[in-house]
């Protein structure tokens, strides 16, 4: 990655940037605070900046917040393979260990949320608590897409479009990353994104290799459904999650409908809490950070977080 690209994601603020290696892959992280580890996993088409509000609020509340650029994004490595949720869950577990901890609160948004659910099943010892944002349990998502073609099926139409080779990559970077900015606007409530966030996301998606890697996530999820690896994954994901789980969702989310995410609690055998963030779309942690942080921090500080 050229110096220009590296500096692009190393936005200055009350956090430090560094590289962390896990399982032979190098990840760029932004880190703030000291205390119990909260690992923050972003979604599509963003990068660690998605969590910049929470890096500050979590640090103030006595946590060590670490926002990572997922494999293929931002300042992290962009290997040709490994964009399946099983490998990505291995990345998350490896990152917790590489950060010197036995376990962490794992908090994921959108694709990071699907990854967080997966990590809780595949690496249960690593996940102390699970927080998911705008992300149904992967099996619930599949049922919603198939069972509600006019609702969640239509809302997820971008994923079907991403299955074509090459063309979606070109579309994502064209016109200074305009499509990435449009997706942020289309999926959020009116008034977001702010100009700075849109600029960062549009620039970050143009880092060489990022567009292709980001789309590989969508391709694996779609194409693996009927393949042996996808069938094995779906079978494994039926396992109950045995850690306290918080599920937050924007009431106005048009990308992942609230009705598609509701019902994910059936996969959780531990205390489970579902909360809608009013006035927020697909990015509640950025659109309504105060309301979001009140829910997240309140749940984190509750020793026995029942619904």
Protein backbone atom coordinates (compact mmCIF):
# COMPACT_ATOMS: atom_id res chain seq x y z
CA UNK A 1 0.00 0.00 0.00
CA UNK A 2 1.42 3.35 -0.96
CA UNK A 3 2.04 6.08 1.60
CA UNK A 4 -0.90 7.99 0.18
CA UNK A 5 -3.26 5.07 0.81
CA UNK A 6 -1.96 4.46 4.33
CA UNK A 7 -2.35 8.08 5.35
CA UNK A 8 -5.87 8.03 3.91
CA UNK A 9 -7.16 5.71 6.65
CA UNK A 10 -4.89 6.98 9.44
CA UNK A 11 -7.21 9.82 10.39
CA UNK A 12 -5.90 11.80 13.37
CA UNK A 13 -7.91 11.79 16.58
CA UNK A 14 -7.86 10.67 20.22
CA UNK A 15 -6.77 7.18 19.17
CA UNK A 16 -3.56 5.53 17.99
CA UNK A 17 -2.99 3.68 14.74
CA UNK A 18 -0.94 0.53 14.48
CA UNK A 19 -0.55 -2.72 12.58
CA UNK A 20 -1.40 -6.03 14.27
CA UNK A 21 -0.62 -9.41 12.71
CA UNK A 22 -2.97 -12.35 13.18
CA UNK A 23 -2.71 -15.67 11.36
CA UNK A 24 -0.24 -14.31 8.82
CA UNK A 25 -2.45 -11.35 7.88
CA UNK A 26 -1.61 -7.77 8.82
CA UNK A 27 -4.46 -5.63 10.10
CA UNK A 28 -4.63 -1.89 10.59
CA UNK A 29 -6.34 -0.91 13.86
CA UNK A 30 -7.28 2.31 15.62
CA UNK A 31 -7.17 2.00 19.40
CA UNK A 32 -8.24 4.13 22.37
CA UNK A 33 -8.58 3.69 26.11
CA UNK A 34 -7.57 1.10 28.68
CA UNK A 35 -9.59 -1.65 30.31
CA UNK A 36 -11.60 -4.63 29.06
CA UNK A 37 -11.20 -5.09 25.30
CA UNK A 38 -14.05 -4.18 22.94
CA UNK A 39 -13.28 -5.27 19.36
CA UNK A 40 -15.20 -3.19 16.79
CA UNK A 41 -15.88 -4.70 13.35
CA UNK A 42 -17.18 -2.40 10.58
CA UNK A 43 -19.51 -3.15 7.69
CA UNK A 44 -19.77 -2.52 3.95
CA UNK A 45 -18.66 -0.25 2.30
CA UNK A 46 -16.81 1.35 5.22
CA UNK A 47 -13.60 0.96 7.26
CA UNK A 48 -12.59 1.46 10.91
CA UNK A 49 -13.83 5.10 10.84
CA UNK A 50 -17.37 3.71 11.13
CA UNK A 51 -16.64 3.42 14.89
CA UNK A 52 -14.91 6.77 15.52
CA UNK A 53 -17.66 7.95 17.91
CA UNK A 54 -17.49 4.73 19.92
CA UNK A 55 -13.68 4.76 20.15
CA UNK A 56 -14.11 7.96 22.18
CA UNK A 57 -17.19 6.99 24.24
CA UNK A 58 -15.90 3.50 25.09
CA UNK A 59 -12.48 4.86 26.10
CA UNK A 60 -14.17 7.44 28.37
CA UNK A 61 -16.25 4.67 29.94
CA UNK A 62 -13.16 2.64 30.89
CA UNK A 63 -12.81 0.24 27.98
CA UNK A 64 -10.02 -0.49 25.55
CA UNK A 65 -11.73 0.05 22.19
CA UNK A 66 -10.07 -1.33 19.06
CA UNK A 67 -11.61 -0.67 15.64
CA UNK A 68 -10.10 -2.83 12.93
CA UNK A 69 -10.03 -2.57 9.15
CA UNK A 70 -11.38 -5.97 8.12
CA UNK A 71 -9.43 -8.19 5.73
CA UNK A 72 -9.46 -6.52 2.32
CA UNK A 73 -10.36 -3.05 3.62
CA UNK A 74 -8.56 0.19 4.49
CA UNK A 75 -5.02 -0.26 5.75
CA UNK A 76 -5.29 -4.05 6.24
CA UNK A 77 -3.87 -6.72 3.93
CA UNK A 78 -5.84 -7.64 0.82
CA UNK A 79 -5.02 -11.30 0.18
CA UNK A 80 -6.69 -13.03 -2.79
CA UNK A 81 -8.67 -15.39 -0.54
CA UNK A 82 -10.35 -15.69 2.83
CA UNK A 83 -13.55 -13.67 2.41
CA UNK A 84 -15.78 -16.39 3.83
CA UNK A 85 -17.23 -15.84 7.30
CA UNK A 86 -15.35 -18.83 8.75
CA UNK A 87 -11.92 -17.43 7.81
CA UNK A 88 -13.00 -13.95 8.88
CA UNK A 89 -14.08 -15.30 12.29
CA UNK A 90 -10.59 -16.76 12.57
CA UNK A 91 -9.22 -13.28 11.86
CA UNK A 92 -11.33 -11.80 14.68
CA UNK A 93 -10.29 -14.50 17.17
CA UNK A 94 -6.65 -14.12 16.13
CA UNK A 95 -6.86 -10.35 16.59
CA UNK A 96 -8.14 -10.70 20.17
CA UNK A 97 -5.17 -12.94 20.99
CA UNK A 98 -2.72 -10.72 19.09
CA UNK A 99 -3.98 -7.77 21.16
CA UNK A 100 -2.89 -9.70 24.24
CA UNK A 101 -6.31 -10.72 25.54
CA UNK A 102 -7.97 -14.09 26.17
CA UNK A 103 -11.39 -12.74 25.20
CA UNK A 104 -13.27 -9.57 24.31
CA UNK A 105 -16.62 -7.96 23.83
CA UNK A 106 -17.08 -8.39 20.08
CA UNK A 107 -19.21 -5.69 18.48
CA UNK A 108 -19.99 -5.76 14.76
CA UNK A 109 -22.05 -3.70 12.32
CA UNK A 110 -23.55 -5.04 9.06
CA UNK A 111 -20.93 -7.47 7.65
CA UNK A 112 -18.98 -7.03 10.86
CA UNK A 113 -22.17 -8.14 12.63
CA UNK A 114 -22.48 -11.32 10.56
CA UNK A 115 -18.83 -11.88 11.38
CA UNK A 116 -19.46 -11.26 15.10
CA UNK A 117 -22.31 -13.84 15.15
CA UNK A 118 -19.99 -16.31 13.40
CA UNK A 119 -17.11 -15.68 15.79
CA UNK A 120 -19.39 -16.37 18.77
CA UNK A 121 -20.23 -19.81 17.33
CA UNK A 122 -16.82 -20.82 15.90
CA UNK A 123 -14.64 -19.32 18.68
CA UNK A 124 -16.91 -19.21 21.75
CA UNK A 125 -14.05 -18.85 24.26
CA UNK A 126 -12.93 -15.61 22.57
CA UNK A 127 -16.30 -13.84 22.83
CA UNK A 128 -17.13 -12.59 26.32
CA UNK A 129 -20.17 -10.67 25.13
CA UNK A 130 -21.68 -10.13 21.70
CA UNK A 131 -23.11 -6.89 20.32
CA UNK A 132 -24.52 -6.81 16.80
CA UNK A 133 -25.76 -3.77 14.88
CA UNK A 134 -27.94 -3.88 11.75
CA UNK A 135 -27.13 -7.58 11.37
CA UNK A 136 -29.53 -10.50 11.71
CA UNK A 137 -28.14 -13.88 12.71
CA UNK A 138 -26.88 -15.34 9.38
CA UNK A 139 -29.56 -18.07 9.39
CA UNK A 140 -32.28 -15.52 10.16
CA UNK A 141 -31.00 -13.35 7.30
CA UNK A 142 -31.18 -16.26 4.86
CA UNK A 143 -34.73 -17.08 5.96
CA UNK A 144 -35.73 -13.40 5.55
CA UNK A 145 -34.30 -13.10 2.03
CA UNK A 146 -35.95 -16.33 0.85
CA UNK A 147 -39.19 -15.92 2.78
CA UNK A 148 -39.81 -12.24 2.02
CA UNK A 149 -38.64 -11.66 -1.58
CA UNK A 150 -40.49 -8.33 -1.89
CA UNK A 151 -39.18 -7.10 1.47
CA UNK A 152 -35.70 -8.28 2.49
CA UNK A 153 -35.10 -9.87 -0.92
CA UNK A 154 -35.58 -6.48 -2.60
CA UNK A 155 -33.64 -4.67 0.15
CA UNK A 156 -30.68 -7.00 -0.50
CA UNK A 157 -30.78 -6.56 -4.30
CA UNK A 158 -27.32 -4.94 -4.31
CA UNK A 159 -25.87 -8.32 -3.22
CA UNK A 160 -27.37 -10.02 -6.28
CA UNK A 161 -25.90 -7.30 -8.50
CA UNK A 162 -22.46 -7.85 -6.95
CA UNK A 163 -22.34 -11.46 -8.23
CA UNK A 164 -21.22 -10.38 -11.70
CA UNK A 165 -17.45 -10.47 -12.31
CA UNK A 166 -15.43 -7.25 -12.64
CA UNK A 167 -18.22 -4.81 -13.48
CA UNK A 168 -19.38 -4.15 -9.88
CA UNK A 169 -15.78 -3.35 -8.85
CA UNK A 170 -15.51 -0.77 -11.60
CA UNK A 171 -18.89 0.68 -10.64
CA UNK A 172 -17.88 1.02 -7.00
CA UNK A 173 -14.73 3.08 -7.72
CA UNK A 174 -16.11 5.10 -10.65
CA UNK A 175 -16.62 8.87 -10.27
CA UNK A 176 -14.45 9.11 -7.15
CA UNK A 177 -16.34 6.30 -5.36
CA UNK A 178 -19.75 7.97 -5.89
CA UNK A 179 -21.68 4.69 -5.47
CA UNK A 180 -20.26 4.16 -1.96
CA UNK A 181 -21.54 7.61 -0.98
CA UNK A 182 -24.92 6.88 -2.51
CA UNK A 183 -25.27 3.61 -0.57
CA UNK A 184 -24.57 5.49 2.69
CA UNK A 185 -27.34 7.96 1.84
CA UNK A 186 -29.82 5.37 0.56
CA UNK A 187 -29.52 3.17 3.65
CA UNK A 188 -29.54 5.90 6.32
CA UNK A 189 -32.18 8.25 7.66
CA UNK A 190 -32.19 11.75 6.07
CA UNK A 191 -29.37 14.06 7.16
CA UNK A 192 -26.53 11.52 7.12
CA UNK A 193 -23.73 10.98 6.16
CA UNK A 194 -21.80 14.06 7.12
CA UNK A 195 -19.57 15.37 4.37
CA UNK A 196 -16.34 14.23 6.07
CA UNK A 197 -17.51 10.63 6.54
CA UNK A 198 -18.74 10.40 2.95
CA UNK A 199 -15.40 11.73 1.67
CA UNK A 200 -13.43 9.22 3.77
CA UNK A 201 -15.57 6.25 2.69
CA UNK A 202 -15.42 7.21 -0.99
CA UNK A 203 -11.63 7.56 -0.84
CA UNK A 204 -11.13 4.35 1.16
CA UNK A 205 -13.13 2.25 -1.29
CA UNK A 206 -10.73 3.37 -4.04
CA UNK A 207 -7.63 1.99 -2.27
CA UNK A 208 -6.30 -0.57 -4.77
CA UNK A 209 -7.86 -4.00 -4.18
CA UNK A 210 -10.51 -2.82 -1.72
CA UNK A 211 -13.50 -2.82 -4.09
CA UNK A 212 -12.77 -6.38 -5.22
CA UNK A 213 -12.18 -7.71 -1.69
CA UNK A 214 -15.31 -6.00 -0.31
CA UNK A 215 -17.44 -7.62 -3.02
CA UNK A 216 -15.89 -11.05 -2.39
CA UNK A 217 -17.69 -11.09 1.00
CA UNK A 218 -21.04 -10.78 -0.80
CA UNK A 219 -20.05 -13.36 -3.42
CA UNK A 220 -19.09 -15.99 -0.87
CA UNK A 221 -22.31 -15.58 1.12
CA UNK A 222 -24.48 -15.89 -1.99
CA UNK A 223 -22.58 -18.60 -3.87
CA UNK A 224 -21.83 -20.83 -0.89
CA UNK A 225 -25.51 -21.42 -0.05
CA UNK A 226 -25.72 -24.67 -2.02
CA UNK A 227 -22.03 -25.63 -1.80
CA UNK A 228 -20.64 -28.05 0.80
CA UNK A 229 -18.78 -25.26 2.65
CA UNK A 230 -21.95 -23.15 2.87
CA UNK A 231 -24.09 -26.10 3.98
CA UNK A 232 -21.53 -27.00 6.68
CA UNK A 233 -21.47 -23.36 7.80
CA UNK A 234 -25.28 -23.18 8.04
CA UNK A 235 -25.36 -26.41 10.03
CA UNK A 236 -22.70 -25.19 12.44
CA UNK A 237 -24.44 -21.84 12.91
CA UNK A 238 -27.46 -23.59 14.45
CA UNK A 239 -25.43 -23.94 17.66
CA UNK A 240 -26.74 -21.86 20.56
CA UNK A 241 -24.81 -18.74 21.53
CA UNK A 242 -24.05 -18.81 25.24
CA UNK A 243 -22.89 -15.25 25.96
CA UNK A 244 -24.96 -12.13 26.74
CA UNK A 245 -26.05 -10.65 23.43
CA UNK A 246 -27.22 -7.14 22.51
CA UNK A 247 -28.88 -6.55 19.16
CA UNK A 248 -29.30 -2.93 18.08
CA UNK A 249 -31.09 -1.90 14.92
CA UNK A 250 -32.07 1.38 13.29
CA UNK A 251 -35.87 1.67 13.12
CA UNK A 252 -35.59 3.19 9.60
CA UNK A 253 -33.07 0.69 8.17
CA UNK A 254 -33.88 0.07 4.49
CA UNK A 255 -30.88 -2.22 3.83
CA UNK A 256 -31.54 -4.80 6.56
CA UNK A 257 -35.16 -4.43 7.59
CA UNK A 258 -35.83 -4.51 11.35
CA UNK A 259 -38.33 -7.33 10.75
CA UNK A 260 -35.52 -9.37 9.14
CA UNK A 261 -33.29 -9.01 12.19
CA UNK A 262 -36.02 -9.63 14.78
CA UNK A 263 -36.17 -13.27 15.77
CA UNK A 264 -32.38 -13.69 15.88
CA UNK A 265 -32.70 -14.15 19.64
CA UNK A 266 -33.86 -17.75 19.10
CA UNK A 267 -30.19 -18.61 18.50
CA UNK A 268 -29.10 -17.13 21.86
CA UNK A 269 -29.32 -19.28 25.00
CA UNK A 270 -27.96 -16.49 27.26
CA UNK A 271 -29.44 -13.10 28.27
CA UNK A 272 -30.52 -11.38 25.06
CA UNK A 273 -31.59 -7.78 24.51
CA UNK A 274 -33.16 -6.28 21.36
CA UNK A 275 -33.43 -2.49 20.98
CA UNK A 276 -34.54 -0.30 18.11
CA UNK A 277 -32.76 3.05 17.70
CA UNK A 278 -35.48 5.51 16.67
CA UNK A 279 -34.74 7.95 13.86
CA UNK A 280 -31.76 5.91 12.59
CA UNK A 281 -31.29 3.88 9.43
CA UNK A 282 -28.63 1.26 8.69
CA UNK A 283 -25.83 3.10 10.55
CA UNK A 284 -27.31 3.86 14.01
CA UNK A 285 -23.88 4.09 15.70
CA UNK A 286 -23.02 6.96 13.35
CA UNK A 287 -26.44 8.51 12.71
CA UNK A 288 -27.55 8.62 16.37
CA UNK A 289 -24.32 8.08 18.34
CA UNK A 290 -25.66 9.33 21.68
CA UNK A 291 -28.74 7.12 21.67
CA UNK A 292 -26.62 4.22 20.43
CA UNK A 293 -23.89 4.70 23.06
CA UNK A 294 -26.49 4.94 25.83
CA UNK A 295 -27.75 1.47 24.86
CA UNK A 296 -24.30 -0.07 24.36
CA UNK A 297 -22.68 1.37 27.49
CA UNK A 298 -25.73 0.67 29.63
CA UNK A 299 -25.68 -2.97 28.56
CA UNK A 300 -21.91 -3.28 29.04
CA UNK A 301 -22.12 -1.93 32.58
CA UNK A 302 -25.01 -4.26 33.51
CA UNK A 303 -23.56 -7.37 35.19
CA UNK A 304 -26.64 -9.46 34.33
CA UNK A 305 -28.13 -7.91 31.21
CA UNK A 306 -31.60 -9.39 30.85
CA UNK A 307 -33.84 -7.98 28.13
